[in-house]
mmCIF file of all heavy atoms, coordinates in Angstrom:
data_MODEL
# 
_entry.id   MODEL 
# 
loop_
_atom_site.group_PDB 
_atom_site.id 
_atom_site.type_symbol 
_atom_site.label_atom_id 
_atom_site.label_alt_id 
_atom_site.label_comp_id 
_atom_site.label_asym_id 
_atom_site.label_entity_id 
_atom_site.label_seq_id 
_atom_site.pdbx_PDB_ins_code 
_atom_site.Cartn_x 
_atom_site.Cartn_y 
_atom_site.Cartn_z 
_atom_site.occupancy 
_atom_site.B_iso_or_equiv 
_atom_site.pdbx_formal_charge 
_atom_site.auth_seq_id 
_atom_site.auth_comp_id 
_atom_site.auth_asym_id 
_atom_site.auth_atom_id 
_atom_site.pdbx_PDB_model_num 
ATOM 1   N N   . ILE A 1 1  ? 59.695 96.747 48.948 1.00 0.00 ? 1  ILE A N   1 
ATOM 2   C CA  . ILE A 1 1  ? 59.734 95.367 48.473 1.00 0.00 ? 1  ILE A CA  1 
ATOM 3   C C   . ILE A 1 1  ? 60.966 94.630 48.977 1.00 0.00 ? 1  ILE A C   1 
ATOM 4   O O   . ILE A 1 1  ? 60.890 93.508 49.482 1.00 0.00 ? 1  ILE A O   1 
ATOM 5   C CB  . ILE A 1 1  ? 59.711 95.329 46.932 1.00 0.00 ? 1  ILE A CB  1 
ATOM 6   C CG1 . ILE A 1 1  ? 58.361 95.816 46.401 1.00 0.00 ? 1  ILE A CG1 1 
ATOM 7   C CG2 . ILE A 1 1  ? 59.983 93.921 46.412 1.00 0.00 ? 1  ILE A CG2 1 
ATOM 8   C CD1 . ILE A 1 1  ? 58.307 95.931 44.897 1.00 0.00 ? 1  ILE A CD1 1 
ATOM 9   N N   . MET A 1 2  ? 62.130 95.270 48.864 1.00 0.00 ? 2  MET A N   1 
ATOM 10  C CA  . MET A 1 2  ? 63.400 94.581 49.102 1.00 0.00 ? 2  MET A CA  1 
ATOM 11  C C   . MET A 1 2  ? 64.159 95.070 50.323 1.00 0.00 ? 2  MET A C   1 
ATOM 12  O O   . MET A 1 2  ? 65.177 94.507 50.696 1.00 0.00 ? 2  MET A O   1 
ATOM 13  C CB  . MET A 1 2  ? 64.296 94.725 47.866 1.00 0.00 ? 2  MET A CB  1 
ATOM 14  C CG  . MET A 1 2  ? 63.682 94.182 46.593 1.00 0.00 ? 2  MET A CG  1 
ATOM 15  S SD  . MET A 1 2  ? 63.461 92.402 46.619 1.00 0.00 ? 2  MET A SD  1 
ATOM 16  C CE  . MET A 1 2  ? 65.156 91.865 46.402 1.00 0.00 ? 2  MET A CE  1 
ATOM 17  N N   . GLY A 1 3  ? 63.693 96.158 50.945 1.00 0.00 ? 3  GLY A N   1 
ATOM 18  C CA  . GLY A 1 3  ? 64.431 96.752 52.050 1.00 0.00 ? 3  GLY A CA  1 
ATOM 19  C C   . GLY A 1 3  ? 64.644 95.800 53.214 1.00 0.00 ? 3  GLY A C   1 
ATOM 20  O O   . GLY A 1 3  ? 65.747 95.692 53.755 1.00 0.00 ? 3  GLY A O   1 
ATOM 21  N N   . LEU A 1 4  ? 63.580 95.101 53.619 1.00 0.00 ? 4  LEU A N   1 
ATOM 22  C CA  . LEU A 1 4  ? 63.692 94.181 54.753 1.00 0.00 ? 4  LEU A CA  1 
ATOM 23  C C   . LEU A 1 4  ? 64.664 93.057 54.442 1.00 0.00 ? 4  LEU A C   1 
ATOM 24  O O   . LEU A 1 4  ? 65.508 92.701 55.270 1.00 0.00 ? 4  LEU A O   1 
ATOM 25  C CB  . LEU A 1 4  ? 62.316 93.611 55.105 1.00 0.00 ? 4  LEU A CB  1 
ATOM 26  C CG  . LEU A 1 4  ? 62.309 92.577 56.244 1.00 0.00 ? 4  LEU A CG  1 
ATOM 27  C CD1 . LEU A 1 4  ? 62.841 93.182 57.529 1.00 0.00 ? 4  LEU A CD1 1 
ATOM 28  C CD2 . LEU A 1 4  ? 60.905 92.009 56.447 1.00 0.00 ? 4  LEU A CD2 1 
ATOM 29  N N   . ILE A 1 5  ? 64.546 92.505 53.236 1.00 0.00 ? 5  ILE A N   1 
ATOM 30  C CA  . ILE A 1 5  ? 65.436 91.414 52.854 1.00 0.00 ? 5  ILE A CA  1 
ATOM 31  C C   . ILE A 1 5  ? 66.879 91.903 52.810 1.00 0.00 ? 5  ILE A C   1 
ATOM 32  O O   . ILE A 1 5  ? 67.802 91.205 53.249 1.00 0.00 ? 5  ILE A O   1 
ATOM 33  C CB  . ILE A 1 5  ? 65.014 90.827 51.497 1.00 0.00 ? 5  ILE A CB  1 
ATOM 34  C CG1 . ILE A 1 5  ? 63.630 90.182 51.618 1.00 0.00 ? 5  ILE A CG1 1 
ATOM 35  C CG2 . ILE A 1 5  ? 66.025 89.804 51.000 1.00 0.00 ? 5  ILE A CG2 1 
ATOM 36  C CD1 . ILE A 1 5  ? 63.074 89.658 50.317 1.00 0.00 ? 5  ILE A CD1 1 
ATOM 37  N N   . ALA A 1 6  ? 67.084 93.111 52.281 1.00 0.00 ? 6  ALA A N   1 
ATOM 38  C CA  . ALA A 1 6  ? 68.438 93.667 52.236 1.00 0.00 ? 6  ALA A CA  1 
ATOM 39  C C   . ALA A 1 6  ? 69.009 93.807 53.640 1.00 0.00 ? 6  ALA A C   1 
ATOM 40  O O   . ALA A 1 6  ? 70.186 93.484 53.884 1.00 0.00 ? 6  ALA A O   1 
ATOM 41  C CB  . ALA A 1 6  ? 68.428 95.022 51.533 1.00 0.00 ? 6  ALA A CB  1 
ATOM 42  N N   . PHE A 1 7  ? 68.188 94.263 54.582 1.00 0.00 ? 7  PHE A N   1 
ATOM 43  C CA  . PHE A 1 7  ? 68.684 94.434 55.950 1.00 0.00 ? 7  PHE A CA  1 
ATOM 44  C C   . PHE A 1 7  ? 68.933 93.084 56.608 1.00 0.00 ? 7  PHE A C   1 
ATOM 45  O O   . PHE A 1 7  ? 69.888 92.928 57.381 1.00 0.00 ? 7  PHE A O   1 
ATOM 46  C CB  . PHE A 1 7  ? 67.682 95.241 56.780 1.00 0.00 ? 7  PHE A CB  1 
ATOM 47  C CG  . PHE A 1 7  ? 68.260 95.743 58.070 1.00 0.00 ? 7  PHE A CG  1 
ATOM 48  C CD1 . PHE A 1 7  ? 69.140 96.812 58.082 1.00 0.00 ? 7  PHE A CD1 1 
ATOM 49  C CD2 . PHE A 1 7  ? 67.948 95.134 59.278 1.00 0.00 ? 7  PHE A CD2 1 
ATOM 50  C CE1 . PHE A 1 7  ? 69.699 97.264 59.271 1.00 0.00 ? 7  PHE A CE1 1 
ATOM 51  C CE2 . PHE A 1 7  ? 68.487 95.576 60.468 1.00 0.00 ? 7  PHE A CE2 1 
ATOM 52  C CZ  . PHE A 1 7  ? 69.372 96.649 60.472 1.00 0.00 ? 7  PHE A CZ  1 
ATOM 53  N N   . ILE A 1 8  ? 68.094 92.103 56.309 1.00 0.00 ? 8  ILE A N   1 
ATOM 54  C CA  . ILE A 1 8  ? 68.330 90.759 56.828 1.00 0.00 ? 8  ILE A CA  1 
ATOM 55  C C   . ILE A 1 8  ? 69.677 90.239 56.342 1.00 0.00 ? 8  ILE A C   1 
ATOM 56  O O   . ILE A 1 8  ? 70.432 89.622 57.096 1.00 0.00 ? 8  ILE A O   1 
ATOM 57  C CB  . ILE A 1 8  ? 67.192 89.805 56.413 1.00 0.00 ? 8  ILE A CB  1 
ATOM 58  C CG1 . ILE A 1 8  ? 65.916 90.134 57.192 1.00 0.00 ? 8  ILE A CG1 1 
ATOM 59  C CG2 . ILE A 1 8  ? 67.589 88.343 56.651 1.00 0.00 ? 8  ILE A CG2 1 
ATOM 60  C CD1 . ILE A 1 8  ? 64.706 89.346 56.758 1.00 0.00 ? 8  ILE A CD1 1 
ATOM 61  N N   . MET A 1 9  ? 69.994 90.508 55.067 1.00 0.00 ? 9  MET A N   1 
ATOM 62  C CA  . MET A 1 9  ? 71.269 90.064 54.526 1.00 0.00 ? 9  MET A CA  1 
ATOM 63  C C   . MET A 1 9  ? 72.435 90.774 55.203 1.00 0.00 ? 9  MET A C   1 
ATOM 64  O O   . MET A 1 9  ? 73.496 90.183 55.433 1.00 0.00 ? 9  MET A O   1 
ATOM 65  C CB  . MET A 1 9  ? 71.312 90.300 53.012 1.00 0.00 ? 9  MET A CB  1 
ATOM 66  C CG  . MET A 1 9  ? 70.303 89.479 52.229 1.00 0.00 ? 9  MET A CG  1 
ATOM 67  S SD  . MET A 1 9  ? 70.430 87.692 52.515 1.00 0.00 ? 9  MET A SD  1 
ATOM 68  C CE  . MET A 1 9  ? 72.037 87.363 51.785 1.00 0.00 ? 9  MET A CE  1 
ATOM 69  N N   . LEU A 1 10 ? 72.266 92.045 55.555 1.00 0.00 ? 10 LEU A N   1 
ATOM 70  C CA  . LEU A 1 10 ? 73.308 92.769 56.287 1.00 0.00 ? 10 LEU A CA  1 
ATOM 71  C C   . LEU A 1 10 ? 73.532 92.145 57.664 1.00 0.00 ? 10 LEU A C   1 
ATOM 72  O O   . LEU A 1 10 ? 74.680 91.921 58.081 1.00 0.00 ? 10 LEU A O   1 
ATOM 73  C CB  . LEU A 1 10 ? 72.917 94.249 56.438 1.00 0.00 ? 10 LEU A CB  1 
ATOM 74  C CG  . LEU A 1 10 ? 72.951 95.106 55.174 1.00 0.00 ? 10 LEU A CG  1 
ATOM 75  C CD1 . LEU A 1 10 ? 72.420 96.499 55.483 1.00 0.00 ? 10 LEU A CD1 1 
ATOM 76  C CD2 . LEU A 1 10 ? 74.360 95.196 54.609 1.00 0.00 ? 10 LEU A CD2 1 
ATOM 77  N N   . VAL A 1 11 ? 72.437 91.865 58.368 1.00 0.00 ? 11 VAL A N   1 
ATOM 78  C CA  . VAL A 1 11 ? 72.551 91.243 59.690 1.00 0.00 ? 11 VAL A CA  1 
ATOM 79  C C   . VAL A 1 11 ? 73.146 89.841 59.569 1.00 0.00 ? 11 VAL A C   1 
ATOM 80  O O   . VAL A 1 11 ? 73.947 89.414 60.403 1.00 0.00 ? 11 VAL A O   1 
ATOM 81  C CB  . VAL A 1 11 ? 71.182 91.192 60.393 1.00 0.00 ? 11 VAL A CB  1 
ATOM 82  C CG1 . VAL A 1 11 ? 71.287 90.450 61.725 1.00 0.00 ? 11 VAL A CG1 1 
ATOM 83  C CG2 . VAL A 1 11 ? 70.644 92.596 60.622 1.00 0.00 ? 11 VAL A CG2 1 
ATOM 84  N N   . ALA A 1 12 ? 72.778 89.128 58.490 1.00 0.00 ? 12 ALA A N   1 
ATOM 85  C CA  . ALA A 1 12 ? 73.328 87.785 58.268 1.00 0.00 ? 12 ALA A CA  1 
ATOM 86  C C   . ALA A 1 12 ? 74.838 87.838 58.096 1.00 0.00 ? 12 ALA A C   1 
ATOM 87  O O   . ALA A 1 12 ? 75.568 86.958 58.574 1.00 0.00 ? 12 ALA A O   1 
ATOM 88  C CB  . ALA A 1 12 ? 72.674 87.146 57.042 1.00 0.00 ? 12 ALA A CB  1 
ATOM 89  N N   . ALA A 1 13 ? 75.333 88.878 57.410 1.00 0.00 ? 13 ALA A N   1 
ATOM 90  C CA  . ALA A 1 13 ? 76.782 89.025 57.244 1.00 0.00 ? 13 ALA A CA  1 
ATOM 91  C C   . ALA A 1 13 ? 77.443 89.271 58.589 1.00 0.00 ? 13 ALA A C   1 
ATOM 92  O O   . ALA A 1 13 ? 78.524 88.723 58.891 1.00 0.00 ? 13 ALA A O   1 
ATOM 93  C CB  . ALA A 1 13 ? 77.089 90.173 56.287 1.00 0.00 ? 13 ALA A CB  1 
ATOM 94  N N   . GLY A 1 14 ? 76.816 90.110 59.421 1.00 0.00 ? 14 GLY A N   1 
ATOM 95  C CA  . GLY A 1 14 ? 77.359 90.350 60.755 1.00 0.00 ? 14 GLY A CA  1 
ATOM 96  C C   . GLY A 1 14 ? 77.338 89.100 61.602 1.00 0.00 ? 14 GLY A C   1 
ATOM 97  O O   . GLY A 1 14 ? 78.292 88.813 62.345 1.00 0.00 ? 14 GLY A O   1 
ATOM 98  N N   . TYR A 1 15 ? 76.264 88.331 61.492 1.00 0.00 ? 15 TYR A N   1 
ATOM 99  C CA  . TYR A 1 15 ? 76.168 87.069 62.228 1.00 0.00 ? 15 TYR A CA  1 
ATOM 100 C C   . TYR A 1 15 ? 77.259 86.107 61.779 1.00 0.00 ? 15 TYR A C   1 
ATOM 101 O O   . TYR A 1 15 ? 77.896 85.435 62.596 1.00 0.00 ? 15 TYR A O   1 
ATOM 102 C CB  . TYR A 1 15 ? 74.779 86.468 62.006 1.00 0.00 ? 15 TYR A CB  1 
ATOM 103 C CG  . TYR A 1 15 ? 74.592 85.093 62.616 1.00 0.00 ? 15 TYR A CG  1 
ATOM 104 C CD1 . TYR A 1 15 ? 74.878 84.862 63.951 1.00 0.00 ? 15 TYR A CD1 1 
ATOM 105 C CD2 . TYR A 1 15 ? 74.125 84.036 61.847 1.00 0.00 ? 15 TYR A CD2 1 
ATOM 106 C CE1 . TYR A 1 15 ? 74.699 83.610 64.510 1.00 0.00 ? 15 TYR A CE1 1 
ATOM 107 C CE2 . TYR A 1 15 ? 73.938 82.785 62.391 1.00 0.00 ? 15 TYR A CE2 1 
ATOM 108 C CZ  . TYR A 1 15 ? 74.228 82.574 63.727 1.00 0.00 ? 15 TYR A CZ  1 
ATOM 109 O OH  . TYR A 1 15 ? 74.061 81.332 64.269 1.00 0.00 ? 15 TYR A OH  1 
ATOM 110 N N   . GLY A 1 16 ? 77.472 86.052 60.471 1.00 0.00 ? 16 GLY A N   1 
ATOM 111 C CA  . GLY A 1 16 ? 78.544 85.193 59.952 1.00 0.00 ? 16 GLY A CA  1 
ATOM 112 C C   . GLY A 1 16 ? 79.898 85.604 60.485 1.00 0.00 ? 16 GLY A C   1 
ATOM 113 O O   . GLY A 1 16 ? 80.751 84.751 60.796 1.00 0.00 ? 16 GLY A O   1 
ATOM 114 N N   . ARG A 1 17 ? 80.126 86.907 60.618 1.00 0.00 ? 17 ARG A N   1 
ATOM 115 C CA  . ARG A 1 17 ? 81.385 87.414 61.174 1.00 0.00 ? 17 ARG A CA  1 
ATOM 116 C C   . ARG A 1 17 ? 81.554 86.958 62.620 1.00 0.00 ? 17 ARG A C   1 
ATOM 117 O O   . ARG A 1 17 ? 82.639 86.554 63.036 1.00 0.00 ? 17 ARG A O   1 
ATOM 118 C CB  . ARG A 1 17 ? 81.388 88.942 61.080 1.00 0.00 ? 17 ARG A CB  1 
ATOM 119 C CG  . ARG A 1 17 ? 82.561 89.627 61.763 1.00 0.00 ? 17 ARG A CG  1 
ATOM 120 C CD  . ARG A 1 17 ? 83.802 89.624 60.901 1.00 0.00 ? 17 ARG A CD  1 
ATOM 121 N NE  . ARG A 1 17 ? 84.838 90.446 61.500 1.00 0.00 ? 17 ARG A NE  1 
ATOM 122 C CZ  . ARG A 1 17 ? 85.001 91.749 61.300 1.00 0.00 ? 17 ARG A CZ  1 
ATOM 123 N NH1 . ARG A 1 17 ? 84.144 92.386 60.488 1.00 0.00 ? 17 ARG A NH1 1 
ATOM 124 N NH2 . ARG A 1 17 ? 85.958 92.422 61.863 1.00 0.00 ? 17 ARG A NH2 1 
ATOM 125 N N   . VAL A 1 18 ? 80.465 87.016 63.388 1.00 0.00 ? 18 VAL A N   1 
ATOM 126 C CA  . VAL A 1 18 ? 80.523 86.556 64.784 1.00 0.00 ? 18 VAL A CA  1 
ATOM 127 C C   . VAL A 1 18 ? 80.876 85.081 64.850 1.00 0.00 ? 18 VAL A C   1 
ATOM 128 O O   . VAL A 1 18 ? 81.727 84.657 65.640 1.00 0.00 ? 18 VAL A O   1 
ATOM 129 C CB  . VAL A 1 18 ? 79.174 86.816 65.506 1.00 0.00 ? 18 VAL A CB  1 
ATOM 130 C CG1 . VAL A 1 18 ? 79.160 86.147 66.881 1.00 0.00 ? 18 VAL A CG1 1 
ATOM 131 C CG2 . VAL A 1 18 ? 78.924 88.311 65.646 1.00 0.00 ? 18 VAL A CG2 1 
ATOM 132 N N   . ILE A 1 19 ? 80.210 84.293 63.997 1.00 0.00 ? 19 ILE A N   1 
ATOM 133 C CA  . ILE A 1 19 ? 80.473 82.857 63.971 1.00 0.00 ? 19 ILE A CA  1 
ATOM 134 C C   . ILE A 1 19 ? 81.945 82.579 63.677 1.00 0.00 ? 19 ILE A C   1 
ATOM 135 O O   . ILE A 1 19 ? 82.578 81.726 64.308 1.00 0.00 ? 19 ILE A O   1 
ATOM 136 C CB  . ILE A 1 19 ? 79.581 82.170 62.904 1.00 0.00 ? 19 ILE A CB  1 
ATOM 137 C CG1 . ILE A 1 19 ? 78.117 82.193 63.331 1.00 0.00 ? 19 ILE A CG1 1 
ATOM 138 C CG2 . ILE A 1 19 ? 80.046 80.736 62.645 1.00 0.00 ? 19 ILE A CG2 1 
ATOM 139 C CD1 . ILE A 1 19 ? 77.808 81.326 64.522 1.00 0.00 ? 19 ILE A CD1 1 
ATOM 140 N N   . ARG A 1 20 ? 82.504 83.302 62.717 1.00 0.00 ? 20 ARG A N   1 
ATOM 141 C CA  . ARG A 1 20 ? 83.914 83.087 62.370 1.00 0.00 ? 20 ARG A CA  1 
ATOM 142 C C   . ARG A 1 20 ? 84.843 83.522 63.501 1.00 0.00 ? 20 ARG A C   1 
ATOM 143 O O   . ARG A 1 20 ? 85.847 82.863 63.781 1.00 0.00 ? 20 ARG A O   1 
ATOM 144 C CB  . ARG A 1 20 ? 84.246 83.845 61.088 1.00 0.00 ? 20 ARG A CB  1 
ATOM 145 C CG  . ARG A 1 20 ? 83.571 83.276 59.846 1.00 0.00 ? 20 ARG A CG  1 
ATOM 146 C CD  . ARG A 1 20 ? 84.129 83.893 58.571 1.00 0.00 ? 20 ARG A CD  1 
ATOM 147 N NE  . ARG A 1 20 ? 83.779 85.305 58.435 1.00 0.00 ? 20 ARG A NE  1 
ATOM 148 C CZ  . ARG A 1 20 ? 82.669 85.730 57.866 1.00 0.00 ? 20 ARG A CZ  1 
ATOM 149 N NH1 . ARG A 1 20 ? 81.797 84.865 57.381 1.00 0.00 ? 20 ARG A NH1 1 
ATOM 150 N NH2 . ARG A 1 20 ? 82.417 87.021 57.765 1.00 0.00 ? 20 ARG A NH2 1 
ATOM 151 N N   . GLU A 1 21 ? 84.515 84.646 64.164 1.00 0.00 ? 21 GLU A N   1 
ATOM 152 C CA  . GLU A 1 21 ? 85.379 85.175 65.212 1.00 0.00 ? 21 GLU A CA  1 
ATOM 153 C C   . GLU A 1 21 ? 85.413 84.279 66.451 1.00 0.00 ? 21 GLU A C   1 
ATOM 154 O O   . GLU A 1 21 ? 86.350 84.355 67.243 1.00 0.00 ? 21 GLU A O   1 
ATOM 155 C CB  . GLU A 1 21 ? 84.920 86.583 65.612 1.00 0.00 ? 21 GLU A CB  1 
ATOM 156 C CG  . GLU A 1 21 ? 85.180 87.646 64.550 1.00 0.00 ? 21 GLU A CG  1 
ATOM 157 C CD  . GLU A 1 21 ? 86.658 87.892 64.337 1.00 0.00 ? 21 GLU A CD  1 
ATOM 158 O OE1 . GLU A 1 21 ? 87.433 87.817 65.310 1.00 0.00 ? 21 GLU A OE1 1 
ATOM 159 O OE2 . GLU A 1 21 ? 87.042 88.142 63.177 1.00 0.00 ? 21 GLU A OE2 1 
ATOM 160 N N   . THR A 1 22 ? 84.394 83.458 66.635 1.00 0.00 ? 22 THR A N   1 
ATOM 161 C CA  . THR A 1 22 ? 84.396 82.559 67.794 1.00 0.00 ? 22 THR A CA  1 
ATOM 162 C C   . THR A 1 22 ? 85.510 81.523 67.712 1.00 0.00 ? 22 THR A C   1 
ATOM 163 O O   . THR A 1 22 ? 85.936 80.986 68.739 1.00 0.00 ? 22 THR A O   1 
ATOM 164 C CB  . THR A 1 22 ? 83.053 81.817 67.922 1.00 0.00 ? 22 THR A CB  1 
ATOM 165 O OG1 . THR A 1 22 ? 82.863 80.984 66.772 1.00 0.00 ? 22 THR A OG1 1 
ATOM 166 C CG2 . THR A 1 22 ? 81.897 82.786 68.051 1.00 0.00 ? 22 THR A CG2 1 
ATOM 167 N N   . GLY A 1 23 ? 85.980 81.249 66.487 1.00 0.00 ? 23 GLY A N   1 
ATOM 168 C CA  . GLY A 1 23 ? 86.983 80.200 66.303 1.00 0.00 ? 23 GLY A CA  1 
ATOM 169 C C   . GLY A 1 23 ? 86.396 78.810 66.419 1.00 0.00 ? 23 GLY A C   1 
ATOM 170 O O   . GLY A 1 23 ? 87.112 77.808 66.354 1.00 0.00 ? 23 GLY A O   1 
ATOM 171 N N   . ALA A 1 24 ? 85.055 78.745 66.544 1.00 0.00 ? 24 ALA A N   1 
ATOM 172 C CA  . ALA A 1 24 ? 84.403 77.456 66.776 1.00 0.00 ? 24 ALA A CA  1 
ATOM 173 C C   . ALA A 1 24 ? 84.223 76.654 65.504 1.00 0.00 ? 24 ALA A C   1 
ATOM 174 O O   . ALA A 1 24 ? 84.012 75.439 65.568 1.00 0.00 ? 24 ALA A O   1 
ATOM 175 C CB  . ALA A 1 24 ? 83.042 77.672 67.443 1.00 0.00 ? 24 ALA A CB  1 
ATOM 176 N N   . ILE A 1 25 ? 84.290 77.317 64.331 1.00 0.00 ? 25 ILE A N   1 
ATOM 177 C CA  . ILE A 1 25 ? 84.154 76.574 63.084 1.00 0.00 ? 25 ILE A CA  1 
ATOM 178 C C   . ILE A 1 25 ? 85.324 75.608 62.930 1.00 0.00 ? 25 ILE A C   1 
ATOM 179 O O   . ILE A 1 25 ? 85.139 74.422 62.634 1.00 0.00 ? 25 ILE A O   1 
ATOM 180 C CB  . ILE A 1 25 ? 84.088 77.528 61.882 1.00 0.00 ? 25 ILE A CB  1 
ATOM 181 C CG1 . ILE A 1 25 ? 82.796 78.334 61.922 1.00 0.00 ? 25 ILE A CG1 1 
ATOM 182 C CG2 . ILE A 1 25 ? 84.160 76.747 60.568 1.00 0.00 ? 25 ILE A CG2 1 
ATOM 183 C CD1 . ILE A 1 25 ? 82.664 79.345 60.801 1.00 0.00 ? 25 ILE A CD1 1 
ATOM 184 N N   . GLU A 1 26 ? 86.532 76.119 63.137 1.00 0.00 ? 26 GLU A N   1 
ATOM 185 C CA  . GLU A 1 26 ? 87.718 75.266 63.028 1.00 0.00 ? 26 GLU A CA  1 
ATOM 186 C C   . GLU A 1 26 ? 87.678 74.136 64.053 1.00 0.00 ? 26 GLU A C   1 
ATOM 187 O O   . GLU A 1 26 ? 88.001 72.990 63.742 1.00 0.00 ? 26 GLU A O   1 
ATOM 188 C CB  . GLU A 1 26 ? 88.990 76.104 63.217 1.00 0.00 ? 26 GLU A CB  1 
ATOM 189 C CG  . GLU A 1 26 ? 89.260 77.101 62.106 1.00 0.00 ? 26 GLU A CG  1 
ATOM 190 C CD  . GLU A 1 26 ? 88.471 78.389 62.271 1.00 0.00 ? 26 GLU A CD  1 
ATOM 191 O OE1 . GLU A 1 26 ? 87.665 78.476 63.221 1.00 0.00 ? 26 GLU A OE1 1 
ATOM 192 O OE2 . GLU A 1 26 ? 88.655 79.296 61.439 1.00 0.00 ? 26 GLU A OE2 1 
# 
């Protein structure tokens, strides 16, 4: 039921980390 969503949330956290590391938000 929740495994796929949980993994999507894990990948979303990694994606967010990439976005922050680019320095492009600032």
